[in-house]
Amino acid sequence: MKGITAGEDRVQRLCRDHGIWSVFSKKRGLNRRPGSPVHDDLVERDFTAAAANELWLTDITEHPTAEGNLCLCAVKDVYSGRIVGYSMDSRMKSSLAVAALENAVLARNPAGTVVHSDRGSQFRSRRFVESLRHHGLTGSMGRVGACADNAAMESFFSLLQKNILDRQRWTTRQDLRLAITTWIERTYHRRRRQRRLGKLTPIEYETINRTALTAA
């Protein structure tokens, strides 16, 4: 078949007219301020990695509770799909993104890792950029308004929304915080098998490949 060339505006209009929607859920309630990139796009939608800590993705979502929103910033290792760092807070500040990155660094001790994000103000902030530089990490940023530029991270948030966020109405931030942490650590990492990993969980995939590498 011949390919069809069409601009993004036309595609969006055709999808809207025919009731076609993205499989990735829109991160509700976000008041993000995209701006000029402070890093080049080093990923270009190629969400693959040959080894652990080669490419990380990071993004932010939030969800309401009866006492106010809870914001989550997560850092995902593309190699295994494992969430290597995350942080939660009541406000979407640069410190939220920095804390998630610092937690990932503490857990993984990376060297030269590419960290890909969107152009949200938290990831363009001086504090986040300095944290990348301090740990010898390389920043990367996708285009404005192009969710496919961070699709692998969007898929994680879509799973979180389906399995936790939308399952009930949350009374307190602490209740939701505990539910998110439990789902990530017990279910997503240890029980949810991924087709692209050969039907292994993220922890199984890392353990098996680490053992094979050591044996070699």
Foldseek 3Di string as FASTA:
>chain_A
DDDDDDDPVVVVVVCVVVVHDDPQDDQPPDPFDFDDDPAAAPCQLPLEDPDWLAEKEKDKGWAAAQVAIKIKIFIATSHLRAGQFMAIDRDDALVRVLRRVVSSCVRPVHAAHEYEYERTPSCVDPSNVVSCVVSNYHYHYDDPPDCSSRVSVSVVVRVCCVPQRVPDHHHDPVVSVVRSVCCNPPPQQQPQFDVVLVRHHSVVSNVVVVVVVVVD
